[in-house]
Amino acid sequence: NSVASSINDVAQNTYKVTNNSMVKGEWYGSAFSVGRYIITNRHVAKGSERVRLTDINGKTHETKILNISDQYDLAILESIGNKNKGIELCKDSNLSLMSPLYNIGNPRGEPFIITSGYFSGSKRPKPFNTNSDFIVHNLIGTQGQSGSAVIDFNNKCVVGVVTGLLSQSIVGFSIPVETLVEYIDIYEKSLIGVK
């Protein structure tokens, strides 16, 4: 990761997700570009084969869901032709307590809101049925923020993916960047049949 991502880079590579699943009706989430993929949560993308993405300029695109993982609560979406390389990934999620963080998401469908906060606690299991430890922070974690990138303010890179909150409080949980990298790697190996 040689080039850090500015706030403008993050904004230009963040999307509002609208999922019109026949099962649940219409609901919202967030997503962001990483390399040649767009990343969101499984619980944002599930129930559909395609979702609608809206960028910060208001342009809307339909995109295909390439893979959904119950194990990681992550989903990979097809790129929509963004010429940028997406947001830089941090090397790891080993942050110091009170390290500043921010994200750009779509709380309750309200588009492209920046929230800021700090790293609140060491990795731990989250009260959701997934096979990963999670980083803890105090970023807003309401519906619609799920799938947004958690950005390490100092190093200007993705440290995690927002996935949930604790009992409607300001304690939020995010999937660590190491888990995201592992998931993308497993997906790419599956494309070429490597076990």
N, C-alpha and C. Protein backbone atom coordinates (compact mmCIF):
# COMPACT_ATOMS: atom_id res chain seq x y z
N ASN A 1 0.85 -1.19 0.00
CA ASN A 1 0.00 0.00 0.00
C ASN A 1 0.88 1.24 0.00
N SER A 2 1.15 1.74 -1.18
CA SER A 2 2.10 2.84 -1.28
C SER A 2 1.44 4.21 -1.30
N VAL A 3 0.17 4.26 -1.70
CA VAL A 3 -0.50 5.56 -1.81
C VAL A 3 -1.69 5.57 -0.87
N ALA A 4 -1.69 6.50 0.07
CA ALA A 4 -2.79 6.60 1.01
C ALA A 4 -4.02 7.19 0.33
N SER A 5 -5.19 6.91 0.90
CA SER A 5 -6.44 7.40 0.34
C SER A 5 -6.87 8.66 1.07
N SER A 6 -7.14 9.73 0.32
CA SER A 6 -7.66 10.96 0.91
C SER A 6 -9.15 10.80 1.18
N ILE A 7 -9.71 11.75 1.93
CA ILE A 7 -11.15 11.73 2.17
C ILE A 7 -11.90 11.79 0.85
N ASN A 8 -11.41 12.55 -0.11
CA ASN A 8 -12.04 12.61 -1.43
C ASN A 8 -12.00 11.26 -2.13
N ASP A 9 -10.85 10.54 -2.03
CA ASP A 9 -10.75 9.19 -2.60
C ASP A 9 -11.82 8.27 -1.98
N VAL A 10 -11.95 8.35 -0.67
CA VAL A 10 -12.93 7.50 0.01
C VAL A 10 -14.34 7.84 -0.46
N ALA A 11 -14.65 9.14 -0.53
CA ALA A 11 -15.98 9.56 -0.98
C ALA A 11 -16.28 9.09 -2.39
N GLN A 12 -15.30 9.21 -3.29
CA GLN A 12 -15.50 8.82 -4.69
C GLN A 12 -15.61 7.31 -4.88
N ASN A 13 -15.22 6.55 -3.88
CA ASN A 13 -15.25 5.09 -3.97
C ASN A 13 -16.22 4.46 -2.98
N THR A 14 -17.19 5.26 -2.51
CA THR A 14 -18.21 4.80 -1.58
C THR A 14 -19.56 4.86 -2.28
N TYR A 15 -20.44 3.91 -1.96
CA TYR A 15 -21.74 3.82 -2.62
C TYR A 15 -22.85 3.60 -1.61
N LYS A 16 -24.01 4.12 -1.94
CA LYS A 16 -25.24 3.74 -1.25
C LYS A 16 -25.79 2.52 -1.97
N VAL A 17 -26.13 1.48 -1.22
CA VAL A 17 -26.68 0.25 -1.78
C VAL A 17 -28.19 0.23 -1.53
N THR A 18 -28.95 -0.02 -2.58
CA THR A 18 -30.38 -0.25 -2.45
C THR A 18 -30.66 -1.67 -2.92
N ASN A 19 -31.24 -2.47 -2.05
CA ASN A 19 -31.55 -3.86 -2.36
C ASN A 19 -33.07 -4.00 -2.39
N ASN A 20 -33.60 -4.37 -3.55
CA ASN A 20 -35.04 -4.53 -3.70
C ASN A 20 -35.42 -6.01 -3.67
N SER A 21 -34.99 -6.70 -2.65
CA SER A 21 -35.29 -8.13 -2.53
C SER A 21 -36.79 -8.35 -2.44
N MET A 22 -37.24 -9.39 -3.14
CA MET A 22 -38.66 -9.75 -3.09
C MET A 22 -39.03 -10.21 -1.67
N VAL A 23 -38.03 -10.70 -0.95
CA VAL A 23 -38.29 -11.25 0.38
C VAL A 23 -38.51 -10.14 1.41
N LYS A 24 -37.62 -9.14 1.41
CA LYS A 24 -37.64 -8.13 2.48
C LYS A 24 -38.14 -6.77 2.03
N GLY A 25 -38.45 -6.61 0.74
CA GLY A 25 -38.79 -5.28 0.25
C GLY A 25 -37.53 -4.47 0.03
N GLU A 26 -37.63 -3.15 0.07
CA GLU A 26 -36.46 -2.31 -0.21
C GLU A 26 -35.73 -1.98 1.09
N TRP A 27 -34.40 -2.15 1.08
CA TRP A 27 -33.61 -1.70 2.22
C TRP A 27 -32.25 -1.22 1.73
N TYR A 28 -31.51 -0.55 2.64
CA TYR A 28 -30.32 0.19 2.26
C TYR A 28 -29.08 -0.29 3.01
N GLY A 29 -27.94 0.01 2.42
CA GLY A 29 -26.67 -0.24 3.06
C GLY A 29 -25.61 0.61 2.39
N SER A 30 -24.37 0.25 2.61
CA SER A 30 -23.24 0.97 2.06
C SER A 30 -22.28 -0.02 1.42
N ALA A 31 -21.40 0.48 0.56
CA ALA A 31 -20.40 -0.35 -0.10
C ALA A 31 -19.23 0.53 -0.49
N PHE A 32 -18.09 -0.11 -0.83
CA PHE A 32 -16.92 0.66 -1.25
C PHE A 32 -16.07 -0.17 -2.20
N SER A 33 -15.32 0.54 -3.05
CA SER A 33 -14.45 -0.11 -4.03
C SER A 33 -13.11 -0.46 -3.41
N VAL A 34 -12.67 -1.69 -3.68
CA VAL A 34 -11.32 -2.14 -3.34
C VAL A 34 -10.78 -2.85 -4.57
N GLY A 35 -9.76 -2.28 -5.21
CA GLY A 35 -9.22 -2.89 -6.42
C GLY A 35 -10.31 -3.05 -7.46
N ARG A 36 -10.50 -4.28 -7.95
CA ARG A 36 -11.48 -4.49 -9.02
C ARG A 36 -12.84 -4.92 -8.51
N TYR A 37 -13.06 -4.85 -7.20
CA TYR A 37 -14.34 -5.28 -6.63
C TYR A 37 -14.99 -4.15 -5.83
N ILE A 38 -16.28 -4.35 -5.57
CA ILE A 38 -17.00 -3.51 -4.62
C ILE A 38 -17.40 -4.42 -3.46
N ILE A 39 -17.19 -3.95 -2.25
CA ILE A 39 -17.41 -4.75 -1.05
C ILE A 39 -18.59 -4.21 -0.26
N THR A 40 -19.42 -5.12 0.25
CA THR A 40 -20.46 -4.76 1.21
C THR A 40 -20.65 -5.94 2.15
N ASN A 41 -21.68 -5.89 3.00
CA ASN A 41 -21.98 -7.00 3.90
C ASN A 41 -22.92 -8.01 3.24
N ARG A 42 -22.82 -9.24 3.70
CA ARG A 42 -23.77 -10.27 3.27
C ARG A 42 -25.19 -9.84 3.57
N HIS A 43 -25.42 -9.30 4.78
CA HIS A 43 -26.79 -8.97 5.16
C HIS A 43 -27.34 -7.76 4.40
N VAL A 44 -26.48 -7.02 3.71
CA VAL A 44 -26.95 -5.94 2.82
C VAL A 44 -27.34 -6.50 1.46
N ALA A 45 -26.56 -7.48 0.97
CA ALA A 45 -26.74 -7.98 -0.40
C ALA A 45 -27.66 -9.18 -0.51
N LYS A 46 -27.93 -9.88 0.58
CA LYS A 46 -28.63 -11.17 0.48
C LYS A 46 -30.04 -11.01 -0.07
N GLY A 47 -30.51 -12.09 -0.69
CA GLY A 47 -31.87 -12.13 -1.20
C GLY A 47 -32.03 -11.62 -2.62
N SER A 48 -30.95 -11.18 -3.24
CA SER A 48 -31.02 -10.64 -4.60
C SER A 48 -29.85 -11.15 -5.42
N GLU A 49 -29.96 -11.05 -6.73
CA GLU A 49 -28.84 -11.33 -7.62
C GLU A 49 -28.13 -10.05 -8.03
N ARG A 50 -28.85 -8.94 -7.96
CA ARG A 50 -28.29 -7.64 -8.32
C ARG A 50 -28.74 -6.61 -7.28
N VAL A 51 -27.94 -5.56 -7.09
CA VAL A 51 -28.33 -4.43 -6.24
C VAL A 51 -28.08 -3.14 -7.00
N ARG A 52 -28.68 -2.07 -6.53
CA ARG A 52 -28.49 -0.76 -7.15
C ARG A 52 -27.51 0.05 -6.31
N LEU A 53 -26.50 0.61 -6.95
CA LEU A 53 -25.51 1.46 -6.29
C LEU A 53 -25.71 2.90 -6.74
N THR A 54 -25.61 3.81 -5.78
CA THR A 54 -25.64 5.25 -6.10
C THR A 54 -24.34 5.84 -5.61
N ASP A 55 -23.64 6.58 -6.50
CA ASP A 55 -22.37 7.18 -6.09
C ASP A 55 -22.60 8.57 -5.53
N ILE A 56 -21.54 9.21 -5.06
CA ILE A 56 -21.68 10.49 -4.37
C ILE A 56 -22.16 11.60 -5.30
N ASN A 57 -22.03 11.38 -6.62
CA ASN A 57 -22.51 12.36 -7.60
C ASN A 57 -23.96 12.12 -7.99
N GLY A 58 -24.59 11.11 -7.38
CA GLY A 58 -26.00 10.84 -7.64
C GLY A 58 -26.26 9.90 -8.81
N LYS A 59 -25.20 9.40 -9.44
CA LYS A 59 -25.38 8.46 -10.55
C LYS A 59 -25.70 7.08 -9.99
N THR A 60 -26.65 6.42 -10.64
CA THR A 60 -27.11 5.11 -10.19
C THR A 60 -26.67 4.04 -11.18
N HIS A 61 -26.25 2.91 -10.63
CA HIS A 61 -25.78 1.79 -11.44
C HIS A 61 -26.35 0.51 -10.85
N GLU A 62 -26.73 -0.43 -11.70
CA GLU A 62 -27.07 -1.77 -11.22
C GLU A 62 -25.83 -2.63 -11.32
N THR A 63 -25.61 -3.47 -10.32
CA THR A 63 -24.43 -4.34 -10.37
C THR A 63 -24.78 -5.74 -9.88
N LYS A 64 -24.01 -6.69 -10.36
CA LYS A 64 -24.23 -8.10 -10.04
C LYS A 64 -23.53 -8.47 -8.74
N ILE A 65 -24.16 -9.33 -7.96
CA ILE A 65 -23.54 -9.89 -6.76
C ILE A 65 -22.73 -11.10 -7.19
N LEU A 66 -21.41 -11.05 -7.00
CA LEU A 66 -20.53 -12.13 -7.44
C LEU A 66 -20.41 -13.24 -6.41
N ASN A 67 -20.43 -12.88 -5.13
CA ASN A 67 -20.24 -13.87 -4.08
C ASN A 67 -20.79 -13.32 -2.77
N ILE A 68 -21.40 -14.20 -1.99
CA ILE A 68 -21.88 -13.85 -0.66
C ILE A 68 -21.35 -14.89 0.32
N SER A 69 -20.84 -14.45 1.46
CA SER A 69 -20.30 -15.37 2.45
C SER A 69 -21.02 -15.21 3.79
N ASP A 70 -21.72 -16.27 4.21
CA ASP A 70 -22.30 -16.27 5.55
C ASP A 70 -21.21 -16.28 6.61
N GLN A 71 -20.11 -16.98 6.31
CA GLN A 71 -19.02 -17.11 7.28
C GLN A 71 -18.43 -15.76 7.66
N TYR A 72 -18.29 -14.87 6.67
CA TYR A 72 -17.63 -13.59 6.92
C TYR A 72 -18.58 -12.40 7.01
N ASP A 73 -19.87 -12.61 6.72
CA ASP A 73 -20.82 -11.50 6.57
C ASP A 73 -20.29 -10.46 5.59
N LEU A 74 -19.73 -10.95 4.48
CA LEU A 74 -19.23 -10.06 3.43
C LEU A 74 -19.80 -10.51 2.08
N ALA A 75 -19.83 -9.58 1.15
CA ALA A 75 -20.24 -9.87 -0.22
C ALA A 75 -19.35 -9.10 -1.18
N ILE A 76 -19.09 -9.74 -2.32
CA ILE A 76 -18.31 -9.11 -3.39
C ILE A 76 -19.26 -8.78 -4.53
N LEU A 77 -19.24 -7.54 -4.95
CA LEU A 77 -20.07 -7.07 -6.06
C LEU A 77 -19.19 -6.78 -7.26
N GLU A 78 -19.79 -6.88 -8.44
CA GLU A 78 -19.07 -6.58 -9.67
C GLU A 78 -18.77 -5.09 -9.73
N SER A 79 -17.58 -4.74 -10.19
CA SER A 79 -17.20 -3.34 -10.35
C SER A 79 -18.12 -2.67 -11.36
N ILE A 80 -18.32 -1.37 -11.21
CA ILE A 80 -19.18 -0.64 -12.14
C ILE A 80 -18.35 0.27 -13.05
N GLY A 81 -17.10 -0.12 -13.27
CA GLY A 81 -16.27 0.59 -14.24
C GLY A 81 -15.56 1.81 -13.69
N ASN A 82 -15.47 1.92 -12.36
CA ASN A 82 -14.73 3.02 -11.75
C ASN A 82 -13.26 2.91 -12.15
N LYS A 83 -12.72 3.98 -12.71
CA LYS A 83 -11.33 3.94 -13.17
C LYS A 83 -10.34 4.00 -12.02
N ASN A 84 -10.80 4.42 -10.84
CA ASN A 84 -9.90 4.47 -9.70
C ASN A 84 -9.60 3.07 -9.21
N LYS A 85 -8.54 2.94 -8.45
CA LYS A 85 -8.18 1.61 -7.93
C LYS A 85 -8.90 1.30 -6.63
N GLY A 86 -9.77 2.18 -6.22
CA GLY A 86 -10.50 1.97 -4.98
C GLY A 86 -9.73 2.52 -3.79
N ILE A 87 -10.21 2.19 -2.59
CA ILE A 87 -9.61 2.69 -1.36
C ILE A 87 -8.48 1.75 -0.94
N GLU A 88 -7.39 2.32 -0.46
CA GLU A 88 -6.26 1.52 0.01
C GLU A 88 -6.64 0.70 1.24
N LEU A 89 -6.12 -0.51 1.32
CA LEU A 89 -6.30 -1.35 2.50
C LEU A 89 -5.10 -1.19 3.43
N CYS A 90 -5.37 -1.11 4.73
CA CYS A 90 -4.29 -1.11 5.71
C CYS A 90 -3.63 -2.49 5.75
N LYS A 91 -2.41 -2.55 6.27
CA LYS A 91 -1.71 -3.83 6.40
C LYS A 91 -2.38 -4.73 7.43
N ASP A 92 -2.92 -4.11 8.50
CA ASP A 92 -3.60 -4.89 9.53
C ASP A 92 -4.51 -3.95 10.32
N SER A 93 -5.20 -4.53 11.28
CA SER A 93 -6.15 -3.75 12.10
C SER A 93 -5.64 -3.60 13.53
N ASN A 94 -4.33 -3.68 13.72
CA ASN A 94 -3.75 -3.57 15.06
C ASN A 94 -3.57 -2.10 15.43
N LEU A 95 -4.62 -1.52 15.95
CA LEU A 95 -4.62 -0.11 16.30
C LEU A 95 -4.44 0.09 17.80
N SER A 96 -3.98 1.27 18.15
CA SER A 96 -3.92 1.65 19.56
C SER A 96 -5.28 2.17 19.99
N LEU A 97 -5.60 1.97 21.29
CA LEU A 97 -6.84 2.54 21.80
C LEU A 97 -6.86 4.05 21.56
N MET A 98 -8.01 4.55 21.18
CA MET A 98 -8.24 5.97 20.87
C MET A 98 -7.64 6.40 19.53
N SER A 99 -7.19 5.47 18.71
CA SER A 99 -6.77 5.83 17.35
C SER A 99 -7.98 6.40 16.61
N PRO A 100 -7.82 7.55 15.94
CA PRO A 100 -8.97 8.16 15.27
C PRO A 100 -9.38 7.40 14.01
N LEU A 101 -10.70 7.28 13.83
CA LEU A 101 -11.29 6.59 12.69
C LEU A 101 -12.38 7.46 12.09
N TYR A 102 -12.72 7.19 10.83
CA TYR A 102 -13.92 7.79 10.25
C TYR A 102 -14.49 6.86 9.20
N ASN A 103 -15.73 7.12 8.84
CA ASN A 103 -16.29 6.41 7.69
C ASN A 103 -17.30 7.30 6.99
N ILE A 104 -17.63 6.90 5.77
CA ILE A 104 -18.66 7.57 4.98
C ILE A 104 -19.69 6.51 4.65
N GLY A 105 -20.91 6.68 5.13
CA GLY A 105 -21.94 5.69 4.90
C GLY A 105 -23.29 6.33 4.70
N ASN A 106 -24.32 5.51 4.82
CA ASN A 106 -25.68 5.95 4.48
C ASN A 106 -26.65 5.56 5.60
N PRO A 107 -26.51 6.19 6.77
CA PRO A 107 -27.34 5.80 7.91
C PRO A 107 -28.83 5.97 7.62
N ARG A 108 -29.55 4.85 7.74
CA ARG A 108 -30.99 4.81 7.46
C ARG A 108 -31.31 5.35 6.06
N GLY A 109 -30.37 5.15 5.13
CA GLY A 109 -30.60 5.56 3.75
C GLY A 109 -30.29 7.01 3.46
N GLU A 110 -29.91 7.77 4.49
CA GLU A 110 -29.53 9.18 4.28
C GLU A 110 -28.15 9.20 3.67
N PRO A 111 -27.98 9.71 2.44
CA PRO A 111 -26.74 9.43 1.70
C PRO A 111 -25.51 10.19 2.16
N PHE A 112 -24.40 9.46 2.20
CA PHE A 112 -23.04 9.99 2.28
C PHE A 112 -22.83 10.94 3.45
N ILE A 113 -22.96 10.35 4.63
CA ILE A 113 -22.72 11.05 5.89
C ILE A 113 -21.36 10.59 6.43
N ILE A 114 -20.50 11.55 6.77
CA ILE A 114 -19.22 11.21 7.42
C ILE A 114 -19.45 11.15 8.93
N THR A 115 -18.98 10.06 9.55
CA THR A 115 -18.96 9.99 11.00
C THR A 115 -17.53 9.75 11.45
N SER A 116 -17.19 10.25 12.61
CA SER A 116 -15.83 10.06 13.11
C SER A 116 -15.90 9.55 14.54
N GLY A 117 -14.82 8.91 14.95
CA GLY A 117 -14.75 8.36 16.30
C GLY A 117 -13.38 7.80 16.56
N TYR A 118 -13.30 6.72 17.32
CA TYR A 118 -12.00 6.17 17.66
C TYR A 118 -12.10 4.67 17.91
N PHE A 119 -10.96 4.05 17.85
CA PHE A 119 -10.83 2.62 18.14
C PHE A 119 -11.07 2.44 19.63
N SER A 120 -12.05 1.58 19.98
CA SER A 120 -12.52 1.52 21.36
C SER A 120 -12.09 0.30 22.15
N GLY A 121 -11.65 -0.75 21.47
CA GLY A 121 -11.31 -1.94 22.23
C GLY A 121 -10.65 -3.00 21.38
N SER A 122 -9.98 -3.93 22.05
CA SER A 122 -9.26 -4.99 21.36
C SER A 122 -10.23 -5.90 20.62
N LYS A 123 -9.69 -6.69 19.69
CA LYS A 123 -10.52 -7.61 18.92
C LYS A 123 -11.22 -8.59 19.85
N ARG A 124 -12.44 -8.94 19.48
CA ARG A 124 -13.24 -9.88 20.28
C ARG A 124 -14.33 -10.49 19.42
N PRO A 125 -14.89 -11.62 19.87
CA PRO A 125 -16.03 -12.15 19.15
C PRO A 125 -17.21 -11.18 19.24
N LYS A 126 -17.97 -11.12 18.18
CA LYS A 126 -19.15 -10.26 18.15
C LYS A 126 -20.39 -11.11 18.35
N PRO A 127 -21.46 -10.58 18.90
CA PRO A 127 -22.66 -11.39 19.11
C PRO A 127 -23.45 -11.60 17.82
N PHE A 128 -22.76 -12.05 16.78
CA PHE A 128 -23.39 -12.43 15.52
C PHE A 128 -22.77 -13.75 15.11
N ASN A 129 -23.44 -14.49 14.26
CA ASN A 129 -23.00 -15.84 13.92
C ASN A 129 -22.00 -15.82 12.77
N THR A 130 -20.78 -15.41 13.04
CA THR A 130 -19.72 -15.43 12.04
C THR A 130 -18.45 -15.97 12.67
N ASN A 131 -17.48 -16.33 11.82
CA ASN A 131 -16.26 -16.99 12.31
C ASN A 131 -15.08 -16.02 12.41
N SER A 132 -15.28 -14.86 12.93
CA SER A 132 -14.20 -13.89 12.97
C SER A 132 -14.25 -13.11 14.27
N ASP A 133 -13.10 -12.58 14.68
CA ASP A 133 -13.09 -11.57 15.73
C ASP A 133 -13.33 -10.21 15.07
N PHE A 134 -13.74 -9.24 15.87
CA PHE A 134 -14.15 -7.95 15.33
C PHE A 134 -13.47 -6.81 16.07
N ILE A 135 -13.22 -5.73 15.34
CA ILE A 135 -12.71 -4.53 15.99
C ILE A 135 -13.90 -3.72 16.51
N VAL A 136 -13.65 -2.98 17.57
CA VAL A 136 -14.71 -2.23 18.26
C VAL A 136 -14.40 -0.74 18.13
N HIS A 137 -15.44 0.04 17.89
CA HIS A 137 -15.28 1.49 17.73
C HIS A 137 -16.56 2.18 18.15
N ASN A 138 -16.54 3.50 18.12
CA ASN A 138 -17.75 4.24 18.47
C ASN A 138 -18.31 5.02 17.29
N LEU A 139 -18.02 4.57 16.05
CA LEU A 139 -18.66 5.16 14.87
C LEU A 139 -20.14 4.82 14.88
N ILE A 140 -20.95 5.66 14.24
CA ILE A 140 -22.37 5.37 14.14
C ILE A 140 -22.57 4.02 13.49
N GLY A 141 -23.46 3.21 14.06
CA GLY A 141 -23.67 1.87 13.53
C GLY A 141 -25.11 1.59 13.19
N THR A 142 -25.89 2.61 12.79
CA THR A 142 -27.29 2.38 12.49
C THR A 142 -27.46 1.66 11.15
N GLN A 143 -28.67 1.17 10.91
CA GLN A 143 -28.97 0.54 9.64
C GLN A 143 -28.60 1.49 8.50
N GLY A 144 -28.03 0.94 7.45
CA GLY A 144 -27.59 1.76 6.32
C GLY A 144 -26.10 2.02 6.34
N GLN A 145 -25.48 1.96 7.53
CA GLN A 145 -24.03 2.09 7.62
C GLN A 145 -23.32 0.78 7.30
N SER A 146 -24.04 -0.34 7.44
CA SER A 146 -23.44 -1.64 7.19
C SER A 146 -22.82 -1.70 5.80
N GLY A 147 -21.60 -2.24 5.75
CA GLY A 147 -20.88 -2.34 4.48
C GLY A 147 -19.96 -1.18 4.18
N SER A 148 -19.98 -0.15 5.01
CA SER A 148 -19.09 0.99 4.76
C SER A 148 -17.69 0.72 5.30
N ALA A 149 -16.71 1.38 4.71
CA ALA A 149 -15.31 1.20 5.10
C ALA A 149 -15.00 2.02 6.35
N VAL A 150 -14.32 1.39 7.30
CA VAL A 150 -13.80 2.11 8.47
C VAL A 150 -12.38 2.53 8.11
N ILE A 151 -12.10 3.81 8.16
CA ILE A 151 -10.83 4.35 7.71
C ILE A 151 -9.97 4.76 8.91
N ASP A 152 -8.75 4.26 8.94
CA ASP A 152 -7.75 4.70 9.91
C ASP A 152 -7.33 6.12 9.50
N PHE A 153 -7.72 7.10 10.32
CA PHE A 153 -7.49 8.50 9.96
C PHE A 153 -6.00 8.81 9.80
N ASN A 154 -5.16 8.19 10.62
CA ASN A 154 -3.73 8.50 10.56
C ASN A 154 -3.07 7.91 9.33
N ASN A 155 -3.37 6.66 9.02
CA ASN A 155 -2.71 5.98 7.90
C ASN A 155 -3.50 6.05 6.60
N LYS A 156 -4.73 6.56 6.69
CA LYS A 156 -5.56 6.81 5.50
C LYS A 156 -5.77 5.55 4.67
N CYS A 157 -6.26 4.50 5.33
CA CYS A 157 -6.52 3.23 4.66
C CYS A 157 -7.64 2.50 5.38
N VAL A 158 -8.21 1.49 4.73
CA VAL A 158 -9.33 0.72 5.29
C VAL A 158 -8.81 -0.22 6.37
N VAL A 159 -9.36 -0.08 7.57
CA VAL A 159 -8.98 -0.96 8.68
C VAL A 159 -10.07 -1.99 8.98
N GLY A 160 -11.29 -1.75 8.46
CA GLY A 160 -12.38 -2.68 8.71
C GLY A 160 -13.61 -2.33 7.90
N VAL A 161 -14.64 -3.18 8.04
CA VAL A 161 -15.92 -3.01 7.35
C VAL A 161 -17.02 -3.02 8.41
N VAL A 162 -17.80 -1.95 8.48
CA VAL A 162 -18.88 -1.86 9.47
C VAL A 162 -19.85 -3.02 9.27
N THR A 163 -20.19 -3.70 10.38
CA THR A 163 -21.12 -4.83 10.26
C THR A 163 -22.22 -4.84 11.30
N GLY A 164 -22.07 -4.15 12.42
CA GLY A 164 -23.15 -4.18 13.40
C GLY A 164 -22.88 -3.29 14.59
N LEU A 165 -23.86 -3.27 15.49
CA LEU A 165 -23.73 -2.46 16.70
C LEU A 165 -24.30 -3.24 17.86
N LEU A 166 -24.03 -2.78 19.05
CA LEU A 166 -24.45 -3.47 20.26
C LEU A 166 -25.69 -2.80 20.83
N SER A 167 -26.83 -3.44 20.67
CA SER A 167 -28.09 -3.03 21.31
C SER A 167 -28.40 -1.54 21.11
N GLN A 168 -28.32 -1.07 19.87
CA GLN A 168 -28.66 0.31 19.53
C GLN A 168 -27.80 1.33 20.27
N SER A 169 -26.63 0.90 20.71
CA SER A 169 -25.74 1.82 21.42
C SER A 169 -24.73 2.40 20.44
N ILE A 170 -23.78 3.18 20.95
CA ILE A 170 -22.75 3.72 20.08
C ILE A 170 -21.53 2.81 20.00
N VAL A 171 -21.65 1.59 20.51
CA VAL A 171 -20.56 0.62 20.37
C VAL A 171 -20.78 -0.13 19.06
N GLY A 172 -19.85 0.08 18.10
CA GLY A 172 -19.97 -0.55 16.80
C GLY A 172 -18.95 -1.65 16.61
N PHE A 173 -19.26 -2.58 15.73
CA PHE A 173 -18.36 -3.68 15.40
C PHE A 173 -18.04 -3.65 13.91
N SER A 174 -16.78 -3.94 13.59
CA SER A 174 -16.37 -4.00 12.19
C SER A 174 -15.51 -5.23 11.94
N ILE A 175 -15.65 -5.75 10.74
CA ILE A 175 -14.85 -6.88 10.29
C ILE A 175 -13.45 -6.37 10.01
N PRO A 176 -12.40 -6.97 10.60
CA PRO A 176 -11.04 -6.46 10.40
C PRO A 176 -10.58 -6.61 8.95
N VAL A 177 -9.66 -5.75 8.54
CA VAL A 177 -9.16 -5.76 7.17
C VAL A 177 -8.51 -7.10 6.84
N GLU A 178 -7.88 -7.76 7.82
CA GLU A 178 -7.26 -9.07 7.55
C GLU A 178 -8.30 -10.08 7.09
N THR A 179 -9.49 -10.02 7.68
CA THR A 179 -10.57 -10.93 7.29
C THR A 179 -11.07 -10.62 5.89
N LEU A 180 -11.18 -9.33 5.57
CA LEU A 180 -11.57 -8.93 4.22
C LEU A 180 -10.58 -9.45 3.18
N VAL A 181 -9.29 -9.28 3.44
CA VAL A 181 -8.25 -9.76 2.51
C VAL A 181 -8.34 -11.27 2.35
N GLU A 182 -8.54 -11.98 3.46
CA GLU A 182 -8.66 -13.45 3.41
C GLU A 182 -9.86 -13.86 2.55
N TYR A 183 -10.98 -13.18 2.73
CA TYR A 183 -12.19 -13.49 1.96
C TYR A 183 -11.98 -13.26 0.47
N ILE A 184 -11.39 -12.11 0.10
CA ILE A 184 -11.14 -11.83 -1.32
C ILE A 184 -10.20 -12.88 -1.91
N ASP A 185 -9.19 -13.27 -1.13
CA ASP A 185 -8.24 -14.28 -1.60
C ASP A 185 -8.93 -15.63 -1.84
N ILE A 186 -9.78 -16.04 -0.92
CA ILE A 186 -10.53 -17.30 -1.08
C ILE A 186 -11.42 -17.22 -2.32
N TYR A 187 -12.09 -16.09 -2.51
CA TYR A 187 -12.95 -15.93 -3.69
C TYR A 187 -12.14 -16.03 -4.98
N GLU A 188 -11.01 -15.34 -5.04
CA GLU A 188 -10.21 -15.35 -6.26
C GLU A 188 -9.63 -16.74 -6.55
N LYS A 189 -9.23 -17.46 -5.50
CA LYS A 189 -8.73 -18.83 -5.70
C LYS A 189 -9.85 -19.74 -6.21
N SER A 190 -11.08 -19.50 -5.76
CA SER A 190 -12.20 -20.33 -6.22
C SER A 190 -12.46 -20.14 -7.72
N LEU A 191 -12.11 -18.99 -8.25
CA LEU A 191 -12.34 -18.70 -9.67
C LEU A 191 -11.43 -19.55 -10.55
N ILE A 192 -10.24 -19.88 -10.02
CA ILE A 192 -9.29 -20.66 -10.83
C ILE A 192 -9.16 -22.08 -10.32
N GLY A 193 -10.06 -22.45 -9.39
CA GLY A 193 -10.09 -23.83 -8.94
C GLY A 193 -8.98 -24.21 -8.00
N VAL A 194 -8.32 -23.23 -7.35
CA VAL A 194 -7.24 -23.54 -6.41
C VAL A 194 -7.86 -23.76 -5.04
N LYS A 195 -7.48 -24.84 -4.39
CA LYS A 195 -8.01 -25.12 -3.05
C LYS A 195 -7.09 -24.54 -1.98
